[in-house]
Amino acid sequence: MIIQKTESSRLSSFDKNNFNFGDTFVDHMIICEYEDGKWGDVKLMPYGPLQFSPANMTFNYGQACFEGMKAYRDANNDVFLFRPEKNFERINKSASRLAMPEIPYEVFMNGLKALVDTDRLWIPQGEGYSLYLRPLIFATSEMLKASVSYKYMFAIIATPAKAYYTKPVSVLISDYYSRAANGGVGFAKAAGNYAGAFYPTHLANQKGYDQIIWTDDATHSYFEESGTMNVFVRIEDTIYTPPTSERILDGVTRDSFIQLAKKNGIEVVVDKIPVETVVKAHKEGKLKEVWGVGTAVVTSRFEAIGYNDEKLMLPEISDEDSFAIKLKHELVGIQSNQAEDPFGWRIKVEKGFTDSLAK
């Protein structure tokens, strides 16, 4: 690894009590370039802008995918990643679907650990805080031709993170717009998936809702995802969540919630969730909770669901009785090294790891 550390850290200007998620970046970034059929050296370098031509093929043809993951710092200043192998598998699944070269394991993992090790003091300590990591792959060839690029860049950038949603949100069930379709790229974290979701979400915002519950593209009869999150529904004491598919992202937090629920003896049904089933359960008083899960948010509880011009208010439920909150607390406890990790999900990043890789 080629290591070029900054001579002027910006850490002293960072106030963990006064920052916005996603617009404050740590001192360094990871860069690795692909050309002539192979990936080059991994570089740790000061964070900053990169120069690209307007003819860059990412801007014109959209070859780009990314991951979202977090690192945590405990009271002893030890730093941990959470299930990074899942993100490694998924970014390569996304890259393959977009006709981009896969990232070698060592490039991905060493890059992650080096960045987290170098900028570990940027990870705020305390409940709800973490370091959000964004690995991404994108085309860099300069060519106005609708074809695959012959040059690519792998990068990892990072931003300190805090609680994403601080209160329950209201969501609108989509009966027209779709996030993804069979045969498409819904299962991949393709950049264009998010661009296509912004306009329908804006329309939902105008109606007073925070997010959308995406439904299947063919009939709009089944729950699929919510905003940028996987969705869970609790009817009485059973949790339901849609199976992953060509349209639904295989979320790391989703999988973790399923495993934690089963560990706690909670029945989990992974199957299609008909919209009418949820509406019926609401009318019968059996719908207890609906929530979304994802890396950035961890858990977002819903207070209301919009459907057919109705606003279905969900019952108020205490944190002690909430499956969503119980599972969130257990997950965060594992991630932040405040609880035992029976699954082996937590990966410690040793201090000095970066220097051990220096060329």
Protein backbone atom coordinates (compact mmCIF):
# COMPACT_ATOMS: atom_id res chain seq x y z
CA MET A 1 0.00 0.00 0.00
CA ILE A 2 1.20 3.49 -0.85
CA ILE A 3 0.65 5.71 2.18
CA GLN A 4 0.57 9.50 2.05
CA LYS A 5 -0.76 10.95 5.29
CA THR A 6 -1.98 14.51 5.58
CA GLU A 7 0.33 17.11 7.10
CA SER A 8 -2.60 19.12 8.44
CA SER A 9 -5.42 17.22 10.14
CA ARG A 10 -8.88 18.82 10.29
CA LEU A 11 -9.87 16.80 13.36
CA SER A 12 -9.49 19.70 15.78
CA SER A 13 -12.26 21.58 13.96
CA PHE A 14 -14.72 18.68 14.19
CA ASP A 15 -17.47 19.09 16.79
CA LYS A 16 -19.36 15.85 17.36
CA ASN A 17 -22.26 17.84 18.79
CA ASN A 18 -22.59 20.04 15.73
CA PHE A 19 -22.34 18.31 12.38
CA ASN A 20 -24.60 16.93 9.68
CA PHE A 21 -24.54 13.34 8.50
CA GLY A 22 -22.83 12.99 5.15
CA ASP A 23 -21.15 16.37 4.67
CA THR A 24 -18.15 16.12 7.02
CA PHE A 25 -15.28 13.96 5.78
CA VAL A 26 -12.28 12.46 7.55
CA ASP A 27 -8.69 13.37 6.73
CA HIS A 28 -7.97 10.55 4.30
CA MET A 29 -9.43 8.40 1.54
CA ILE A 30 -8.52 5.20 -0.28
CA ILE A 31 -7.98 5.18 -4.04
CA CYS A 32 -7.18 2.26 -6.36
CA GLU A 33 -7.30 2.46 -10.16
CA TYR A 34 -8.06 -0.20 -12.76
CA GLU A 35 -6.41 -0.09 -16.18
CA ASP A 36 -5.04 -2.58 -18.72
CA GLY A 37 -7.14 -5.35 -17.19
CA LYS A 38 -5.84 -5.12 -13.62
CA TRP A 39 -6.12 -3.18 -10.39
CA GLY A 40 -3.09 -1.12 -9.40
CA ASP A 41 -1.65 -0.17 -6.02
CA VAL A 42 -3.93 0.79 -3.15
CA LYS A 43 -3.24 4.38 -2.05
CA LEU A 44 -4.12 6.02 1.25
CA MET A 45 -4.02 9.75 0.65
CA PRO A 46 -5.42 13.03 1.99
CA TYR A 47 -9.13 13.48 1.30
CA GLY A 48 -9.81 15.92 -1.49
CA PRO A 49 -11.33 16.49 -4.93
CA LEU A 50 -10.39 14.41 -7.96
CA GLN A 51 -10.19 15.82 -11.47
CA PHE A 52 -12.37 14.26 -14.18
CA SER A 53 -13.42 15.22 -17.70
CA PRO A 54 -17.11 15.84 -18.53
CA ALA A 55 -16.65 12.91 -20.91
CA ASN A 56 -16.12 10.58 -17.93
CA MET A 57 -18.26 7.52 -18.71
CA THR A 58 -19.82 7.45 -15.24
CA PHE A 59 -21.39 10.87 -15.86
CA ASN A 60 -22.71 9.79 -19.26
CA TYR A 61 -23.59 6.10 -18.90
CA GLY A 62 -23.90 5.51 -15.18
CA GLN A 63 -21.45 2.71 -14.44
CA ALA A 64 -21.23 3.21 -10.67
CA CYS A 65 -22.04 1.26 -7.52
CA PHE A 66 -21.28 1.63 -3.84
CA GLU A 67 -21.61 0.19 -0.36
CA GLY A 68 -22.62 1.57 3.02
CA MET A 69 -21.05 0.28 6.22
CA LYS A 70 -19.88 1.52 9.61
CA ALA A 71 -16.99 1.43 12.07
CA TYR A 72 -17.37 1.92 15.83
CA ARG A 73 -15.03 3.08 18.62
CA ASP A 74 -15.55 1.77 22.15
CA ALA A 75 -14.63 3.28 25.52
CA ASN A 76 -11.14 1.76 25.29
CA ASN A 77 -10.53 3.39 21.89
CA ASP A 78 -10.66 0.01 20.17
CA VAL A 79 -12.21 0.19 16.69
CA PHE A 80 -14.43 -2.37 15.01
CA LEU A 81 -15.95 -3.08 11.61
CA PHE A 82 -19.27 -4.91 11.33
CA ARG A 83 -19.63 -7.87 8.94
CA PRO A 84 -17.37 -6.34 6.24
CA GLU A 85 -17.29 -9.58 4.28
CA LYS A 86 -21.00 -9.09 3.45
CA ASN A 87 -20.27 -5.70 1.93
CA PHE A 88 -17.33 -7.16 0.01
CA GLU A 89 -19.58 -9.84 -1.48
CA ARG A 90 -22.32 -7.36 -2.35
CA ILE A 91 -20.16 -4.70 -4.00
CA ASN A 92 -18.75 -7.34 -6.30
CA LYS A 93 -22.25 -8.61 -7.05
CA SER A 94 -23.21 -5.05 -7.95
CA ALA A 95 -20.05 -4.51 -10.01
CA SER A 96 -20.62 -7.71 -11.96
CA ARG A 97 -24.22 -6.71 -12.82
CA LEU A 98 -22.96 -3.34 -14.11
CA ALA A 99 -20.21 -4.99 -16.21
CA MET A 100 -17.43 -3.61 -14.00
CA PRO A 101 -14.36 -5.52 -12.73
CA GLU A 102 -14.66 -7.07 -9.28
CA ILE A 103 -12.50 -5.80 -6.42
CA PRO A 104 -9.92 -8.25 -5.00
CA TYR A 105 -10.49 -9.18 -1.36
CA GLU A 106 -7.17 -7.74 -0.18
CA VAL A 107 -7.79 -4.41 -1.91
CA PHE A 108 -11.21 -4.04 -0.29
CA MET A 109 -10.36 -5.26 3.21
CA ASN A 110 -6.91 -3.69 3.51
CA GLY A 111 -8.26 -0.42 2.21
CA LEU A 112 -11.10 -0.40 4.73
CA LYS A 113 -8.90 -1.29 7.68
CA ALA A 114 -6.18 1.19 6.70
CA LEU A 115 -8.63 4.09 6.44
CA VAL A 116 -10.37 3.21 9.71
CA ASP A 117 -7.06 2.73 11.50
CA THR A 118 -5.59 5.98 10.24
CA ASP A 119 -8.66 8.09 11.03
CA ARG A 120 -9.88 6.20 14.10
CA LEU A 121 -10.02 9.38 16.21
CA TRP A 122 -12.65 10.74 13.82
CA ILE A 123 -15.07 8.08 15.10
CA PRO A 124 -17.15 9.79 17.80
CA GLN A 125 -17.58 7.87 21.03
CA GLY A 126 -21.00 7.49 22.57
CA GLU A 127 -24.40 5.99 21.90
CA GLY A 128 -25.63 6.46 18.34
CA TYR A 129 -22.25 7.57 16.94
CA SER A 130 -20.14 5.77 14.35
CA LEU A 131 -18.05 6.30 11.23
CA TYR A 132 -20.01 5.76 8.02
CA LEU A 133 -17.86 4.21 5.29
CA ARG A 134 -18.61 4.50 1.59
CA PRO A 135 -16.68 2.13 -0.72
CA LEU A 136 -17.50 2.82 -4.37
CA ILE A 137 -16.51 1.73 -7.88
CA PHE A 138 -17.04 3.92 -10.93
CA ALA A 139 -15.95 4.24 -14.55
CA THR A 140 -13.22 6.75 -15.41
CA SER A 141 -12.67 6.36 -19.16
CA GLU A 142 -13.17 9.55 -21.19
CA MET A 143 -15.32 8.48 -24.09
CA LEU A 144 -18.76 9.34 -25.47
CA LYS A 145 -19.63 5.84 -26.52
CA ALA A 146 -22.38 3.69 -25.05
CA SER A 147 -20.18 0.81 -23.98
CA VAL A 148 -18.36 -0.44 -20.93
CA SER A 149 -15.45 1.61 -19.66
CA TYR A 150 -11.90 0.32 -19.84
CA LYS A 151 -10.74 2.29 -16.78
CA TYR A 152 -12.25 2.34 -13.30
CA MET A 153 -11.61 3.71 -9.84
CA PHE A 154 -12.25 2.10 -6.46
CA ALA A 155 -12.45 4.57 -3.60
CA ILE A 156 -13.38 4.58 0.09
CA ILE A 157 -14.43 7.78 1.81
CA ALA A 158 -15.82 8.22 5.32
CA THR A 159 -17.99 10.60 7.32
CA PRO A 160 -18.75 10.70 11.05
CA ALA A 161 -22.32 9.57 11.72
CA LYS A 162 -25.00 10.08 14.33
CA ALA A 163 -28.66 9.11 14.61
CA TYR A 164 -30.23 9.44 11.14
CA TYR A 165 -33.90 9.69 12.13
CA THR A 166 -34.58 10.96 15.64
CA LYS A 167 -38.32 10.32 15.64
CA PRO A 168 -40.79 7.93 13.97
CA VAL A 169 -41.56 8.68 10.33
CA SER A 170 -44.64 8.47 8.13
CA VAL A 171 -44.52 6.56 4.85
CA LEU A 172 -46.66 6.45 1.73
CA ILE A 173 -47.36 3.17 -0.08
CA SER A 174 -46.46 3.60 -3.74
CA ASP A 175 -49.25 2.62 -6.15
CA TYR A 176 -47.58 3.88 -9.35
CA TYR A 177 -43.84 4.46 -9.19
CA SER A 178 -41.45 1.52 -8.81
CA ARG A 179 -37.96 1.33 -7.40
CA ALA A 180 -36.96 -1.72 -9.45
CA ALA A 181 -38.21 -4.36 -11.88
CA ASN A 182 -37.45 -8.00 -12.66
CA GLY A 183 -34.34 -8.31 -14.80
CA GLY A 184 -33.11 -4.91 -13.64
CA VAL A 185 -30.55 -3.77 -11.07
CA GLY A 186 -32.72 -3.48 -7.95
CA PHE A 187 -30.61 -6.04 -6.07
CA ALA A 188 -27.44 -4.03 -6.76
CA LYS A 189 -26.40 -0.83 -5.00
CA ALA A 190 -26.26 0.95 -8.33
CA ALA A 191 -26.04 4.73 -8.08
CA GLY A 192 -28.89 5.18 -10.56
CA ASN A 193 -31.31 3.31 -8.30
CA TYR A 194 -31.22 6.23 -5.89
CA ALA A 195 -31.53 8.93 -8.56
CA GLY A 196 -34.70 7.30 -9.85
CA ALA A 197 -36.23 7.30 -6.36
CA PHE A 198 -35.80 11.01 -5.64
CA TYR A 199 -38.76 12.32 -7.66
CA PRO A 200 -41.40 9.92 -6.25
CA THR A 201 -40.05 10.63 -2.76
CA HIS A 202 -40.37 14.36 -3.42
CA LEU A 203 -44.02 13.84 -4.37
CA ALA A 204 -44.57 11.89 -1.14
CA ASN A 205 -42.93 14.72 0.83
CA GLN A 206 -45.39 17.18 -0.72
CA LYS A 207 -48.21 15.06 0.68
CA GLY A 208 -46.71 15.21 4.15
CA TYR A 209 -44.88 11.88 4.20
CA ASP A 210 -41.20 11.30 4.98
CA GLN A 211 -40.61 8.27 2.78
CA ILE A 212 -42.15 5.73 0.41
CA ILE A 213 -42.94 2.06 0.84
CA TRP A 214 -42.00 0.66 -2.54
CA THR A 215 -44.24 -2.06 -3.94
CA ASP A 216 -43.78 -4.60 -6.74
CA ASP A 217 -43.62 -3.10 -10.22
CA ALA A 218 -46.23 -5.41 -11.77
CA THR A 219 -49.25 -5.02 -9.47
CA HIS A 220 -48.18 -2.72 -6.59
CA SER A 221 -49.75 -5.30 -4.29
CA TYR A 222 -46.75 -6.32 -2.17
CA PHE A 223 -44.34 -4.52 0.14
CA GLU A 224 -40.75 -4.53 -1.12
CA GLU A 225 -38.59 -1.81 0.47
CA SER A 226 -39.09 1.51 2.23
CA GLY A 227 -37.06 4.44 0.98
CA THR A 228 -33.47 3.20 1.10
CA MET A 229 -34.29 0.58 3.75
CA ASN A 230 -35.47 -3.00 3.98
CA VAL A 231 -38.89 -3.22 5.61
CA PHE A 232 -40.25 -5.28 8.53
CA VAL A 233 -43.87 -5.72 9.61
CA ARG A 234 -45.00 -7.02 12.99
CA ILE A 235 -48.48 -8.54 13.08
CA GLU A 236 -49.30 -9.61 16.64
CA ASP A 237 -46.04 -11.28 17.72
CA THR A 238 -44.75 -12.43 14.33
CA ILE A 239 -42.28 -10.47 12.19
CA TYR A 240 -42.65 -10.50 8.41
CA THR A 241 -40.12 -9.30 5.84
CA PRO A 242 -40.00 -9.74 2.05
CA PRO A 243 -37.50 -12.20 0.57
CA THR A 244 -34.60 -10.77 -1.38
CA SER A 245 -34.97 -10.94 -5.14
CA GLU A 246 -33.86 -9.25 -8.36
CA ARG A 247 -35.71 -6.19 -7.07
CA ILE A 248 -34.85 -6.16 -3.36
CA LEU A 249 -31.46 -5.40 -1.85
CA ASP A 250 -29.90 -8.07 0.34
CA GLY A 251 -29.34 -5.77 3.30
CA VAL A 252 -26.70 -6.57 5.92
CA THR A 253 -28.81 -4.99 8.67
CA ARG A 254 -31.85 -6.92 7.41
CA ASP A 255 -30.01 -10.23 7.69
CA SER A 256 -28.70 -9.28 11.14
CA PHE A 257 -32.21 -8.45 12.37
CA ILE A 258 -33.53 -11.78 11.13
CA GLN A 259 -30.79 -13.71 12.92
CA LEU A 260 -31.20 -11.72 16.15
CA ALA A 261 -34.98 -12.19 16.11
CA LYS A 262 -34.61 -15.95 15.73
CA LYS A 263 -32.04 -16.00 18.53
CA ASN A 264 -34.62 -14.30 20.75
CA GLY A 265 -37.30 -16.85 19.91
CA ILE A 266 -39.31 -14.41 17.79
CA GLU A 267 -41.05 -15.99 14.82
CA VAL A 268 -39.81 -14.55 11.53
CA VAL A 269 -41.63 -15.18 8.24
CA VAL A 270 -39.64 -14.34 5.11
CA ASP A 271 -42.32 -14.13 2.45
CA LYS A 272 -44.28 -11.73 0.29
CA ILE A 273 -46.22 -9.15 2.32
CA PRO A 274 -49.51 -8.22 0.62
CA VAL A 275 -50.53 -4.61 1.12
CA GLU A 276 -54.08 -5.79 1.82
CA THR A 277 -52.82 -8.06 4.61
CA VAL A 278 -51.19 -5.12 6.36
CA VAL A 279 -54.29 -2.93 5.92
CA LYS A 280 -56.54 -5.71 7.23
CA ALA A 281 -54.27 -6.30 10.23
CA HIS A 282 -54.41 -2.57 10.99
CA LYS A 283 -58.23 -2.56 10.91
CA GLU A 284 -58.32 -5.60 13.21
CA GLY A 285 -55.87 -4.08 15.68
CA LYS A 286 -53.27 -6.76 14.98
CA LEU A 287 -50.69 -4.53 13.29
CA LYS A 288 -48.23 -3.69 16.07
CA GLU A 289 -45.18 -2.24 14.31
CA VAL A 290 -43.73 -1.46 10.90
CA TRP A 291 -40.13 -0.31 10.55
CA GLY A 292 -37.23 0.04 8.16
CA VAL A 293 -33.64 -1.07 8.64
CA GLY A 294 -30.40 -0.08 6.95
CA THR A 295 -26.78 0.75 7.66
CA ALA A 296 -27.20 4.52 7.95
CA VAL A 297 -30.42 4.50 9.97
CA VAL A 298 -30.08 1.11 11.76
CA THR A 299 -33.81 1.22 12.61
CA SER A 300 -36.55 3.70 11.72
CA ARG A 301 -39.98 3.09 13.23
CA PHE A 302 -43.05 4.21 11.29
CA GLU A 303 -45.85 6.16 12.94
CA ALA A 304 -48.24 6.21 9.98
CA ILE A 305 -48.76 4.55 6.59
CA GLY A 306 -50.50 6.32 3.72
CA TYR A 307 -52.75 4.14 1.55
CA ASN A 308 -55.61 5.06 -0.81
CA ASP A 309 -55.86 8.60 0.56
CA GLU A 310 -56.04 7.22 4.11
CA LYS A 311 -53.43 7.77 6.79
CA LEU A 312 -53.26 4.62 8.90
CA MET A 313 -51.85 5.57 12.30
CA LEU A 314 -49.82 2.84 13.95
CA PRO A 315 -50.38 2.13 17.64
CA GLU A 316 -48.11 3.79 20.16
CA ILE A 317 -45.90 1.13 21.69
CA SER A 318 -43.33 1.48 24.44
CA ASP A 319 -39.65 0.82 23.83
CA GLU A 320 -39.89 -2.10 26.26
CA ASP A 321 -42.61 -3.76 24.15
CA SER A 322 -41.13 -2.90 20.76
CA PHE A 323 -39.46 -5.68 18.79
CA ALA A 324 -37.82 -3.02 16.57
CA ILE A 325 -36.18 -1.25 19.51
CA LYS A 326 -35.19 -4.49 21.28
CA LEU A 327 -33.44 -5.83 18.18
CA LYS A 328 -31.84 -2.46 17.45
CA HIS A 329 -30.35 -2.26 20.95
CA GLU A 330 -28.96 -5.79 20.67
CA LEU A 331 -27.47 -5.06 17.25
CA VAL A 332 -25.87 -1.77 18.30
CA GLY A 333 -24.52 -3.47 21.43
CA ILE A 334 -22.70 -6.01 19.27
CA GLN A 335 -21.48 -3.38 16.79
CA SER A 336 -20.11 -1.07 19.50
CA ASN A 337 -18.52 -3.80 21.65
CA GLN A 338 -20.96 -3.28 24.52
CA ALA A 339 -22.39 -6.79 24.26
CA GLU A 340 -21.20 -10.29 23.49
CA ASP A 341 -21.00 -11.20 19.82
CA PRO A 342 -22.24 -14.79 19.48
CA PHE A 343 -22.19 -14.58 15.67
CA GLY A 344 -18.59 -13.42 15.14
CA TRP A 345 -19.79 -10.31 13.31
CA ARG A 346 -17.48 -7.78 14.97
CA ILE A 347 -14.01 -7.36 13.41
CA LYS A 348 -11.36 -5.47 15.37
CA VAL A 349 -9.07 -3.11 13.46
CA GLU A 350 -5.67 -3.27 15.11
CA LYS A 351 -3.91 -0.01 15.85
CA GLY A 352 -0.92 0.41 13.54
CA PHE A 353 -2.46 -1.76 10.80
CA THR A 354 -1.84 0.93 8.18
CA ASP A 355 1.87 1.24 8.83
CA SER A 356 2.28 -2.52 8.56
CA LEU A 357 1.17 -2.28 4.91
CA ALA A 358 3.48 0.55 3.89
CA LYS A 359 5.54 -0.08 0.78
